[in-house]
Structure formats: C-alpha cells, structure tokens
ModelCIF file with pLDDT and N, C-alpha, C, O atoms, coordinates in Angstrom:
data_MODEL
#
_entry.id   MODEL 
#
_entity.id                         1 
_entity.type                       polymer 
_entity.pdbx_number_of_molecules   1 
#
_entity_poly.entity_id                      1 
_entity_poly.type                           'polypeptide(L)' 
_entity_poly.nstd_linkage                   no 
_entity_poly.nstd_monomer                   no 
_entity_poly.pdbx_seq_one_letter_code       PAIRSVAFIKNCVTNPNIIIGDYTYYDDPDDPENFEAHVEHLY 
_entity_poly.pdbx_seq_one_letter_code_can   PAIRSVAFIKNCVTNPNIIIGDYTYYDDPDDPENFEAHVEHLY 
_entity_poly.pdbx_strand_id                 A 
#
loop_
_entity_poly_seq.entity_id 
_entity_poly_seq.num 
_entity_poly_seq.mon_id 
_entity_poly_seq.hetero 
1 1  PRO n 
1 2  ALA n 
1 3  ILE n 
1 4  ARG n 
1 5  SER n 
1 6  VAL n 
1 7  ALA n 
1 8  PHE n 
1 9  ILE n 
1 10 LYS n 
1 11 ASN n 
1 12 CYS n 
1 13 VAL n 
1 14 THR n 
1 15 ASN n 
1 16 PRO n 
1 17 ASN n 
1 18 ILE n 
1 19 ILE n 
1 20 ILE n 
1 21 GLY n 
1 22 ASP n 
1 23 TYR n 
1 24 THR n 
1 25 TYR n 
1 26 TYR n 
1 27 ASP n 
1 28 ASP n 
1 29 PRO n 
1 30 ASP n 
1 31 ASP n 
1 32 PRO n 
1 33 GLU n 
1 34 ASN n 
1 35 PHE n 
1 36 GLU n 
1 37 ALA n 
1 38 HIS n 
1 39 VAL n 
1 40 GLU n 
1 41 HIS n 
1 42 LEU n 
1 43 TYR n 
#
_struct_asym.id          A 
_struct_asym.entity_id   1 
#
loop_
_ma_qa_metric.id 
_ma_qa_metric.mode 
_ma_qa_metric.name 
_ma_qa_metric.software_group_id 
_ma_qa_metric.type 
1 global pLDDT . pLDDT 
2 local  pLDDT . pLDDT 
#
_ma_qa_metric_global.metric_id      1 
_ma_qa_metric_global.metric_value   94.23 
_ma_qa_metric_global.model_id       1 
_ma_qa_metric_global.ordinal_id     1 
#
loop_
_ma_qa_metric_local.label_asym_id 
_ma_qa_metric_local.label_comp_id 
_ma_qa_metric_local.label_seq_id 
_ma_qa_metric_local.metric_id 
_ma_qa_metric_local.metric_value 
_ma_qa_metric_local.model_id 
_ma_qa_metric_local.ordinal_id 
A PRO 1  2 88.00 1 1  
A ALA 2  2 89.00 1 2  
A ILE 3  2 91.00 1 3  
A ARG 4  2 90.00 1 4  
A SER 5  2 93.00 1 5  
A VAL 6  2 96.00 1 6  
A ALA 7  2 95.00 1 7  
A PHE 8  2 97.00 1 8  
A ILE 9  2 95.00 1 9  
A LYS 10 2 96.00 1 10 
A ASN 11 2 96.00 1 11 
A CYS 12 2 93.00 1 12 
A VAL 13 2 95.00 1 13 
A THR 14 2 95.00 1 14 
A ASN 15 2 95.00 1 15 
A PRO 16 2 95.00 1 16 
A ASN 17 2 96.00 1 17 
A ILE 18 2 97.00 1 18 
A ILE 19 2 97.00 1 19 
A ILE 20 2 98.00 1 20 
A GLY 21 2 97.00 1 21 
A ASP 22 2 97.00 1 22 
A TYR 23 2 97.00 1 23 
A THR 24 2 98.00 1 24 
A TYR 25 2 97.00 1 25 
A TYR 26 2 97.00 1 26 
A ASP 27 2 96.00 1 27 
A ASP 28 2 95.00 1 28 
A PRO 29 2 92.00 1 29 
A ASP 30 2 90.00 1 30 
A ASP 31 2 89.00 1 31 
A PRO 32 2 91.00 1 32 
A GLU 33 2 91.00 1 33 
A ASN 34 2 92.00 1 34 
A PHE 35 2 96.00 1 35 
A GLU 36 2 95.00 1 36 
A ALA 37 2 94.00 1 37 
A HIS 38 2 96.00 1 38 
A VAL 39 2 97.00 1 39 
A GLU 40 2 95.00 1 40 
A HIS 41 2 92.00 1 41 
A LEU 42 2 93.00 1 42 
A TYR 43 2 88.00 1 43 
#
loop_
_atom_site.group_PDB 
_atom_site.id 
_atom_site.type_symbol 
_atom_site.label_atom_id 
_atom_site.label_alt_id 
_atom_site.label_comp_id 
_atom_site.label_asym_id 
_atom_site.label_entity_id 
_atom_site.label_seq_id 
_atom_site.pdbx_PDB_ins_code 
_atom_site.Cartn_x 
_atom_site.Cartn_y 
_atom_site.Cartn_z 
_atom_site.occupancy 
_atom_site.B_iso_or_equiv 
_atom_site.pdbx_formal_charge 
_atom_site.auth_seq_id 
_atom_site.auth_comp_id 
_atom_site.auth_asym_id 
_atom_site.auth_atom_id 
_atom_site.pdbx_PDB_model_num 
ATOM 1   N N  . PRO A 1 1  ? -10.063 -22.642 1.363  1.00 88.00 ? 1  PRO A N  1 
ATOM 2   C CA . PRO A 1 1  ? -10.118 -21.221 1.305  1.00 88.00 ? 1  PRO A CA 1 
ATOM 3   C C  . PRO A 1 1  ? -10.120 -20.489 0.256  1.00 88.00 ? 1  PRO A C  1 
ATOM 4   O O  . PRO A 1 1  ? -10.459 -19.306 0.224  1.00 88.00 ? 1  PRO A O  1 
ATOM 5   N N  . ALA A 1 2  ? -9.638  -21.329 -0.915 1.00 89.00 ? 2  ALA A N  1 
ATOM 6   C CA . ALA A 1 2  ? -9.382  -20.475 -2.227 1.00 89.00 ? 2  ALA A CA 1 
ATOM 7   C C  . ALA A 1 2  ? -10.755 -20.221 -2.892 1.00 89.00 ? 2  ALA A C  1 
ATOM 8   O O  . ALA A 1 2  ? -10.984 -19.256 -3.621 1.00 89.00 ? 2  ALA A O  1 
ATOM 9   N N  . ILE A 1 3  ? -11.641 -21.184 -2.567 1.00 91.00 ? 3  ILE A N  1 
ATOM 10  C CA . ILE A 1 3  ? -13.251 -21.059 -3.432 1.00 91.00 ? 3  ILE A CA 1 
ATOM 11  C C  . ILE A 1 3  ? -14.052 -20.957 -2.318 1.00 91.00 ? 3  ILE A C  1 
ATOM 12  O O  . ILE A 1 3  ? -14.595 -21.778 -1.579 1.00 91.00 ? 3  ILE A O  1 
ATOM 13  N N  . ARG A 1 4  ? -13.989 -19.545 -2.379 1.00 90.00 ? 4  ARG A N  1 
ATOM 14  C CA . ARG A 1 4  ? -15.447 -18.979 -0.848 1.00 90.00 ? 4  ARG A CA 1 
ATOM 15  C C  . ARG A 1 4  ? -16.809 -19.185 -1.705 1.00 90.00 ? 4  ARG A C  1 
ATOM 16  O O  . ARG A 1 4  ? -17.777 -18.757 -1.077 1.00 90.00 ? 4  ARG A O  1 
ATOM 17  N N  . SER A 1 5  ? -17.149 -19.736 -2.996 1.00 93.00 ? 5  SER A N  1 
ATOM 18  C CA . SER A 1 5  ? -18.415 -20.048 -3.333 1.00 93.00 ? 5  SER A CA 1 
ATOM 19  C C  . SER A 1 5  ? -19.309 -21.481 -2.441 1.00 93.00 ? 5  SER A C  1 
ATOM 20  O O  . SER A 1 5  ? -20.479 -21.833 -2.586 1.00 93.00 ? 5  SER A O  1 
ATOM 21  N N  . VAL A 1 6  ? -18.271 -22.046 -1.557 1.00 96.00 ? 6  VAL A N  1 
ATOM 22  C CA . VAL A 1 6  ? -18.631 -23.659 -1.275 1.00 96.00 ? 6  VAL A CA 1 
ATOM 23  C C  . VAL A 1 6  ? -18.302 -23.342 0.082  1.00 96.00 ? 6  VAL A C  1 
ATOM 24  O O  . VAL A 1 6  ? -17.255 -22.877 0.531  1.00 96.00 ? 6  VAL A O  1 
ATOM 25  N N  . ALA A 1 7  ? -19.498 -23.708 0.740  1.00 95.00 ? 7  ALA A N  1 
ATOM 26  C CA . ALA A 1 7  ? -19.333 -24.042 2.155  1.00 95.00 ? 7  ALA A CA 1 
ATOM 27  C C  . ALA A 1 7  ? -20.330 -25.393 2.638  1.00 95.00 ? 7  ALA A C  1 
ATOM 28  O O  . ALA A 1 7  ? -21.327 -25.943 2.172  1.00 95.00 ? 7  ALA A O  1 
ATOM 29  N N  . PHE A 1 8  ? -19.400 -25.592 3.916  1.00 97.00 ? 8  PHE A N  1 
ATOM 30  C CA . PHE A 1 8  ? -20.034 -26.909 4.412  1.00 97.00 ? 8  PHE A CA 1 
ATOM 31  C C  . PHE A 1 8  ? -21.342 -26.016 5.240  1.00 97.00 ? 8  PHE A C  1 
ATOM 32  O O  . PHE A 1 8  ? -21.239 -24.998 5.924  1.00 97.00 ? 8  PHE A O  1 
ATOM 33  N N  . ILE A 1 9  ? -22.447 -26.733 4.926  1.00 95.00 ? 9  ILE A N  1 
ATOM 34  C CA . ILE A 1 9  ? -23.539 -25.959 5.461  1.00 95.00 ? 9  ILE A CA 1 
ATOM 35  C C  . ILE A 1 9  ? -23.923 -26.312 6.905  1.00 95.00 ? 9  ILE A C  1 
ATOM 36  O O  . ILE A 1 9  ? -24.684 -25.600 7.561  1.00 95.00 ? 9  ILE A O  1 
ATOM 37  N N  . LYS A 1 10 ? -23.244 -27.692 7.479  1.00 96.00 ? 10 LYS A N  1 
ATOM 38  C CA . LYS A 1 10 ? -23.651 -27.645 8.797  1.00 96.00 ? 10 LYS A CA 1 
ATOM 39  C C  . LYS A 1 10 ? -22.815 -26.826 9.655  1.00 96.00 ? 10 LYS A C  1 
ATOM 40  O O  . LYS A 1 10 ? -22.867 -27.128 10.847 1.00 96.00 ? 10 LYS A O  1 
ATOM 41  N N  . ASN A 1 11 ? -22.051 -25.854 9.331  1.00 96.00 ? 11 ASN A N  1 
ATOM 42  C CA . ASN A 1 11 ? -21.222 -24.935 9.874  1.00 96.00 ? 11 ASN A CA 1 
ATOM 43  C C  . ASN A 1 11 ? -21.673 -23.640 9.883  1.00 96.00 ? 11 ASN A C  1 
ATOM 44  O O  . ASN A 1 11 ? -20.957 -22.735 10.312 1.00 96.00 ? 11 ASN A O  1 
ATOM 45  N N  . CYS A 1 12 ? -23.008 -23.405 9.373  1.00 93.00 ? 12 CYS A N  1 
ATOM 46  C CA . CYS A 1 12 ? -23.469 -22.330 8.993  1.00 93.00 ? 12 CYS A CA 1 
ATOM 47  C C  . CYS A 1 12 ? -24.855 -21.985 9.603  1.00 93.00 ? 12 CYS A C  1 
ATOM 48  O O  . CYS A 1 12 ? -25.289 -20.869 9.892  1.00 93.00 ? 12 CYS A O  1 
ATOM 49  N N  . VAL A 1 13 ? -25.496 -23.289 9.742  1.00 95.00 ? 13 VAL A N  1 
ATOM 50  C CA . VAL A 1 13 ? -26.950 -23.170 9.878  1.00 95.00 ? 13 VAL A CA 1 
ATOM 51  C C  . VAL A 1 13 ? -27.288 -23.119 11.874 1.00 95.00 ? 13 VAL A C  1 
ATOM 52  O O  . VAL A 1 13 ? -26.672 -23.716 12.757 1.00 95.00 ? 13 VAL A O  1 
ATOM 53  N N  . THR A 1 14 ? -28.409 -22.222 11.986 1.00 95.00 ? 14 THR A N  1 
ATOM 54  C CA . THR A 1 14 ? -28.478 -22.195 13.624 1.00 95.00 ? 14 THR A CA 1 
ATOM 55  C C  . THR A 1 14 ? -29.680 -22.748 14.197 1.00 95.00 ? 14 THR A C  1 
ATOM 56  O O  . THR A 1 14 ? -29.899 -23.006 15.380 1.00 95.00 ? 14 THR A O  1 
ATOM 57  N N  . ASN A 1 15 ? -30.526 -22.912 13.058 1.00 95.00 ? 15 ASN A N  1 
ATOM 58  C CA . ASN A 1 15 ? -31.866 -23.480 13.531 1.00 95.00 ? 15 ASN A CA 1 
ATOM 59  C C  . ASN A 1 15 ? -31.859 -25.141 13.771 1.00 95.00 ? 15 ASN A C  1 
ATOM 60  O O  . ASN A 1 15 ? -31.601 -25.902 12.838 1.00 95.00 ? 15 ASN A O  1 
ATOM 61  N N  . PRO A 1 16 ? -32.144 -25.580 15.008 1.00 95.00 ? 16 PRO A N  1 
ATOM 62  C CA . PRO A 1 16 ? -31.849 -26.659 15.612 1.00 95.00 ? 16 PRO A CA 1 
ATOM 63  C C  . PRO A 1 16 ? -32.724 -27.978 14.833 1.00 95.00 ? 16 PRO A C  1 
ATOM 64  O O  . PRO A 1 16 ? -32.467 -29.154 15.091 1.00 95.00 ? 16 PRO A O  1 
ATOM 65  N N  . ASN A 1 17 ? -33.908 -27.505 13.735 1.00 96.00 ? 17 ASN A N  1 
ATOM 66  C CA . ASN A 1 17 ? -34.898 -28.263 13.144 1.00 96.00 ? 17 ASN A CA 1 
ATOM 67  C C  . ASN A 1 17 ? -34.254 -28.571 11.546 1.00 96.00 ? 17 ASN A C  1 
ATOM 68  O O  . ASN A 1 17 ? -34.671 -29.249 10.607 1.00 96.00 ? 17 ASN A O  1 
ATOM 69  N N  . ILE A 1 18 ? -32.884 -27.616 11.769 1.00 97.00 ? 18 ILE A N  1 
ATOM 70  C CA . ILE A 1 18 ? -32.367 -28.098 10.236 1.00 97.00 ? 18 ILE A CA 1 
ATOM 71  C C  . ILE A 1 18 ? -30.804 -28.861 10.455 1.00 97.00 ? 18 ILE A C  1 
ATOM 72  O O  . ILE A 1 18 ? -29.771 -28.217 10.640 1.00 97.00 ? 18 ILE A O  1 
ATOM 73  N N  . ILE A 1 19 ? -30.873 -30.209 10.398 1.00 97.00 ? 19 ILE A N  1 
ATOM 74  C CA . ILE A 1 19 ? -29.929 -31.233 10.493 1.00 97.00 ? 19 ILE A CA 1 
ATOM 75  C C  . ILE A 1 19 ? -28.897 -31.660 9.092  1.00 97.00 ? 19 ILE A C  1 
ATOM 76  O O  . ILE A 1 19 ? -29.398 -32.197 8.104  1.00 97.00 ? 19 ILE A O  1 
ATOM 77  N N  . ILE A 1 20 ? -27.447 -31.347 9.173  1.00 98.00 ? 20 ILE A N  1 
ATOM 78  C CA . ILE A 1 20 ? -26.872 -31.427 7.997  1.00 98.00 ? 20 ILE A CA 1 
ATOM 79  C C  . ILE A 1 20 ? -25.678 -32.464 8.227  1.00 98.00 ? 20 ILE A C  1 
ATOM 80  O O  . ILE A 1 20 ? -24.815 -32.205 9.066  1.00 98.00 ? 20 ILE A O  1 
ATOM 81  N N  . GLY A 1 21 ? -25.639 -33.531 7.543  1.00 97.00 ? 21 GLY A N  1 
ATOM 82  C CA . GLY A 1 21 ? -24.205 -34.510 7.688  1.00 97.00 ? 21 GLY A CA 1 
ATOM 83  C C  . GLY A 1 21 ? -22.786 -33.556 7.198  1.00 97.00 ? 21 GLY A C  1 
ATOM 84  O O  . GLY A 1 21 ? -22.727 -32.593 6.434  1.00 97.00 ? 21 GLY A O  1 
ATOM 85  N N  . ASP A 1 22 ? -21.916 -34.124 7.827  1.00 97.00 ? 22 ASP A N  1 
ATOM 86  C CA . ASP A 1 22 ? -20.316 -33.889 7.555  1.00 97.00 ? 22 ASP A CA 1 
ATOM 87  C C  . ASP A 1 22 ? -20.425 -33.632 5.890  1.00 97.00 ? 22 ASP A C  1 
ATOM 88  O O  . ASP A 1 22 ? -21.174 -34.251 5.135  1.00 97.00 ? 22 ASP A O  1 
ATOM 89  N N  . TYR A 1 23 ? -19.716 -32.823 5.606  1.00 97.00 ? 23 TYR A N  1 
ATOM 90  C CA . TYR A 1 23 ? -19.235 -32.784 4.180  1.00 97.00 ? 23 TYR A CA 1 
ATOM 91  C C  . TYR A 1 23 ? -20.064 -32.304 3.207  1.00 97.00 ? 23 TYR A C  1 
ATOM 92  O O  . TYR A 1 23 ? -19.662 -31.902 2.115  1.00 97.00 ? 23 TYR A O  1 
ATOM 93  N N  . THR A 1 24 ? -21.519 -32.334 3.653  1.00 98.00 ? 24 THR A N  1 
ATOM 94  C CA . THR A 1 24 ? -22.445 -31.599 2.603  1.00 98.00 ? 24 THR A CA 1 
ATOM 95  C C  . THR A 1 24 ? -22.330 -30.106 2.286  1.00 98.00 ? 24 THR A C  1 
ATOM 96  O O  . THR A 1 24 ? -22.422 -29.365 3.265  1.00 98.00 ? 24 THR A O  1 
ATOM 97  N N  . TYR A 1 25 ? -22.156 -29.566 1.160  1.00 97.00 ? 25 TYR A N  1 
ATOM 98  C CA . TYR A 1 25 ? -21.866 -28.339 0.729  1.00 97.00 ? 25 TYR A CA 1 
ATOM 99  C C  . TYR A 1 25 ? -23.078 -27.654 -0.094 1.00 97.00 ? 25 TYR A C  1 
ATOM 100 O O  . TYR A 1 25 ? -23.900 -28.190 -0.837 1.00 97.00 ? 25 TYR A O  1 
ATOM 101 N N  . TYR A 1 26 ? -22.926 -26.304 0.275  1.00 97.00 ? 26 TYR A N  1 
ATOM 102 C CA . TYR A 1 26 ? -23.829 -25.401 -1.058 1.00 97.00 ? 26 TYR A CA 1 
ATOM 103 C C  . TYR A 1 26 ? -23.007 -24.573 -1.542 1.00 97.00 ? 26 TYR A C  1 
ATOM 104 O O  . TYR A 1 26 ? -22.090 -24.002 -0.952 1.00 97.00 ? 26 TYR A O  1 
ATOM 105 N N  . ASP A 1 27 ? -23.418 -24.465 -2.968 1.00 96.00 ? 27 ASP A N  1 
ATOM 106 C CA . ASP A 1 27 ? -22.322 -23.865 -3.621 1.00 96.00 ? 27 ASP A CA 1 
ATOM 107 C C  . ASP A 1 27 ? -23.045 -22.671 -4.461 1.00 96.00 ? 27 ASP A C  1 
ATOM 108 O O  . ASP A 1 27 ? -23.580 -22.897 -5.546 1.00 96.00 ? 27 ASP A O  1 
ATOM 109 N N  . ASP A 1 28 ? -23.009 -21.259 -3.807 1.00 95.00 ? 28 ASP A N  1 
ATOM 110 C CA . ASP A 1 28 ? -23.551 -20.197 -4.199 1.00 95.00 ? 28 ASP A CA 1 
ATOM 111 C C  . ASP A 1 28 ? -22.398 -19.231 -4.349 1.00 95.00 ? 28 ASP A C  1 
ATOM 112 O O  . ASP A 1 28 ? -21.710 -19.138 -3.333 1.00 95.00 ? 28 ASP A O  1 
ATOM 113 N N  . PRO A 1 29 ? -22.051 -18.542 -5.307 1.00 92.00 ? 29 PRO A N  1 
ATOM 114 C CA . PRO A 1 29 ? -21.014 -17.502 -5.468 1.00 92.00 ? 29 PRO A CA 1 
ATOM 115 C C  . PRO A 1 29 ? -21.382 -16.194 -4.772 1.00 92.00 ? 29 PRO A C  1 
ATOM 116 O O  . PRO A 1 29 ? -20.541 -15.376 -4.399 1.00 92.00 ? 29 PRO A O  1 
ATOM 117 N N  . ASP A 1 30 ? -22.806 -16.047 -4.611 1.00 90.00 ? 30 ASP A N  1 
ATOM 118 C CA . ASP A 1 30 ? -23.151 -14.796 -3.785 1.00 90.00 ? 30 ASP A CA 1 
ATOM 119 C C  . ASP A 1 30 ? -23.054 -14.752 -2.282 1.00 90.00 ? 30 ASP A C  1 
ATOM 120 O O  . ASP A 1 30 ? -22.620 -13.802 -1.630 1.00 90.00 ? 30 ASP A O  1 
ATOM 121 N N  . ASP A 1 31 ? -23.602 -16.122 -1.713 1.00 89.00 ? 31 ASP A N  1 
ATOM 122 C CA . ASP A 1 31 ? -23.664 -16.037 -0.211 1.00 89.00 ? 31 ASP A CA 1 
ATOM 123 C C  . ASP A 1 31 ? -23.809 -17.559 0.044  1.00 89.00 ? 31 ASP A C  1 
ATOM 124 O O  . ASP A 1 31 ? -24.973 -17.871 0.291  1.00 89.00 ? 31 ASP A O  1 
ATOM 125 N N  . PRO A 1 32 ? -22.931 -18.578 0.048  1.00 91.00 ? 32 PRO A N  1 
ATOM 126 C CA . PRO A 1 32 ? -23.152 -19.714 0.384  1.00 91.00 ? 32 PRO A CA 1 
ATOM 127 C C  . PRO A 1 32 ? -23.346 -19.941 1.948  1.00 91.00 ? 32 PRO A C  1 
ATOM 128 O O  . PRO A 1 32 ? -23.919 -20.922 2.423  1.00 91.00 ? 32 PRO A O  1 
ATOM 129 N N  . GLU A 1 33 ? -22.767 -18.857 2.712  1.00 91.00 ? 33 GLU A N  1 
ATOM 130 C CA . GLU A 1 33 ? -23.193 -18.951 4.156  1.00 91.00 ? 33 GLU A CA 1 
ATOM 131 C C  . GLU A 1 33 ? -24.579 -18.988 4.534  1.00 91.00 ? 33 GLU A C  1 
ATOM 132 O O  . GLU A 1 33 ? -24.908 -19.512 5.597  1.00 91.00 ? 33 GLU A O  1 
ATOM 133 N N  . ASN A 1 34 ? -25.428 -18.469 3.742  1.00 92.00 ? 34 ASN A N  1 
ATOM 134 C CA . ASN A 1 34 ? -26.655 -18.026 4.128  1.00 92.00 ? 34 ASN A CA 1 
ATOM 135 C C  . ASN A 1 34 ? -27.739 -18.880 3.675  1.00 92.00 ? 34 ASN A C  1 
ATOM 136 O O  . ASN A 1 34 ? -28.878 -18.475 3.444  1.00 92.00 ? 34 ASN A O  1 
ATOM 137 N N  . PHE A 1 35 ? -27.116 -20.744 3.491  1.00 96.00 ? 35 PHE A N  1 
ATOM 138 C CA . PHE A 1 35 ? -28.119 -21.408 3.080  1.00 96.00 ? 35 PHE A CA 1 
ATOM 139 C C  . PHE A 1 35 ? -29.188 -21.389 4.196  1.00 96.00 ? 35 PHE A C  1 
ATOM 140 O O  . PHE A 1 35 ? -30.286 -21.544 3.662  1.00 96.00 ? 35 PHE A O  1 
ATOM 141 N N  . GLU A 1 36 ? -29.281 -21.283 5.298  1.00 95.00 ? 36 GLU A N  1 
ATOM 142 C CA . GLU A 1 36 ? -30.871 -21.316 5.955  1.00 95.00 ? 36 GLU A CA 1 
ATOM 143 C C  . GLU A 1 36 ? -31.891 -20.430 5.341  1.00 95.00 ? 36 GLU A C  1 
ATOM 144 O O  . GLU A 1 36 ? -33.056 -20.723 5.613  1.00 95.00 ? 36 GLU A O  1 
ATOM 145 N N  . ALA A 1 37 ? -31.735 -19.619 4.729  1.00 94.00 ? 37 ALA A N  1 
ATOM 146 C CA . ALA A 1 37 ? -32.567 -18.549 4.076  1.00 94.00 ? 37 ALA A CA 1 
ATOM 147 C C  . ALA A 1 37 ? -33.370 -19.184 3.111  1.00 94.00 ? 37 ALA A C  1 
ATOM 148 O O  . ALA A 1 37 ? -34.543 -18.880 2.895  1.00 94.00 ? 37 ALA A O  1 
ATOM 149 N N  . HIS A 1 38 ? -32.481 -20.428 2.295  1.00 96.00 ? 38 HIS A N  1 
ATOM 150 C CA . HIS A 1 38 ? -33.591 -21.092 1.302  1.00 96.00 ? 38 HIS A CA 1 
ATOM 151 C C  . HIS A 1 38 ? -34.292 -22.465 2.032  1.00 96.00 ? 38 HIS A C  1 
ATOM 152 O O  . HIS A 1 38 ? -34.634 -23.471 1.410  1.00 96.00 ? 38 HIS A O  1 
ATOM 153 N N  . VAL A 1 39 ? -34.417 -22.268 3.455  1.00 97.00 ? 39 VAL A N  1 
ATOM 154 C CA . VAL A 1 39 ? -35.632 -23.088 3.869  1.00 97.00 ? 39 VAL A CA 1 
ATOM 155 C C  . VAL A 1 39 ? -36.680 -22.229 4.347  1.00 97.00 ? 39 VAL A C  1 
ATOM 156 O O  . VAL A 1 39 ? -36.549 -21.517 5.343  1.00 97.00 ? 39 VAL A O  1 
ATOM 157 N N  . GLU A 1 40 ? -37.618 -22.284 3.712  1.00 95.00 ? 40 GLU A N  1 
ATOM 158 C CA . GLU A 1 40 ? -38.909 -21.835 3.798  1.00 95.00 ? 40 GLU A CA 1 
ATOM 159 C C  . GLU A 1 40 ? -39.896 -22.562 4.532  1.00 95.00 ? 40 GLU A C  1 
ATOM 160 O O  . GLU A 1 40 ? -40.031 -23.786 4.539  1.00 95.00 ? 40 GLU A O  1 
ATOM 161 N N  . HIS A 1 41 ? -40.875 -21.341 5.421  1.00 92.00 ? 41 HIS A N  1 
ATOM 162 C CA . HIS A 1 41 ? -41.722 -21.492 5.964  1.00 92.00 ? 41 HIS A CA 1 
ATOM 163 C C  . HIS A 1 41 ? -41.763 -22.685 7.351  1.00 92.00 ? 41 HIS A C  1 
ATOM 164 O O  . HIS A 1 41 ? -42.747 -23.308 7.749  1.00 92.00 ? 41 HIS A O  1 
ATOM 165 N N  . LEU A 1 42 ? -40.088 -22.740 7.981  1.00 93.00 ? 42 LEU A N  1 
ATOM 166 C CA . LEU A 1 42 ? -39.960 -23.822 8.741  1.00 93.00 ? 42 LEU A CA 1 
ATOM 167 C C  . LEU A 1 42 ? -40.024 -23.109 10.422 1.00 93.00 ? 42 LEU A C  1 
ATOM 168 O O  . LEU A 1 42 ? -39.130 -22.447 10.948 1.00 93.00 ? 42 LEU A O  1 
ATOM 169 N N  . TYR A 1 43 ? -41.261 -23.455 10.980 1.00 88.00 ? 43 TYR A N  1 
ATOM 170 C CA . TYR A 1 43 ? -41.878 -22.875 12.069 1.00 88.00 ? 43 TYR A CA 1 
ATOM 171 C C  . TYR A 1 43 ? -41.689 -24.071 13.489 1.00 88.00 ? 43 TYR A C  1 
ATOM 172 O O  . TYR A 1 43 ? -42.156 -23.796 14.594 1.00 88.00 ? 43 TYR A O  1 
#
C-alpha cells in the first residue's frame, strides 16, 4: 500500500479475454490500475 505505482493487474482487468496470473504486476507511477488500456484492438 505504500507503493501505489505497482498493482497486481489480475485484480483490475475486466475483459474476460485478458487472463492474468497471481503476483503479476504493472508498474506505472501515473495509472497502474489502467493496464487494460494498454491492450489495444482486442475485439
């Protein structure tokens, strides 16, 4: 909780076609919770 730039991304994606394993993280000082926006053209 003291490092809000690091998020476990399986807990913030909503698209069922994005499947993330435990402990995998995205590190972004601006918006780590928005990992899904970095997956483009997934229809």
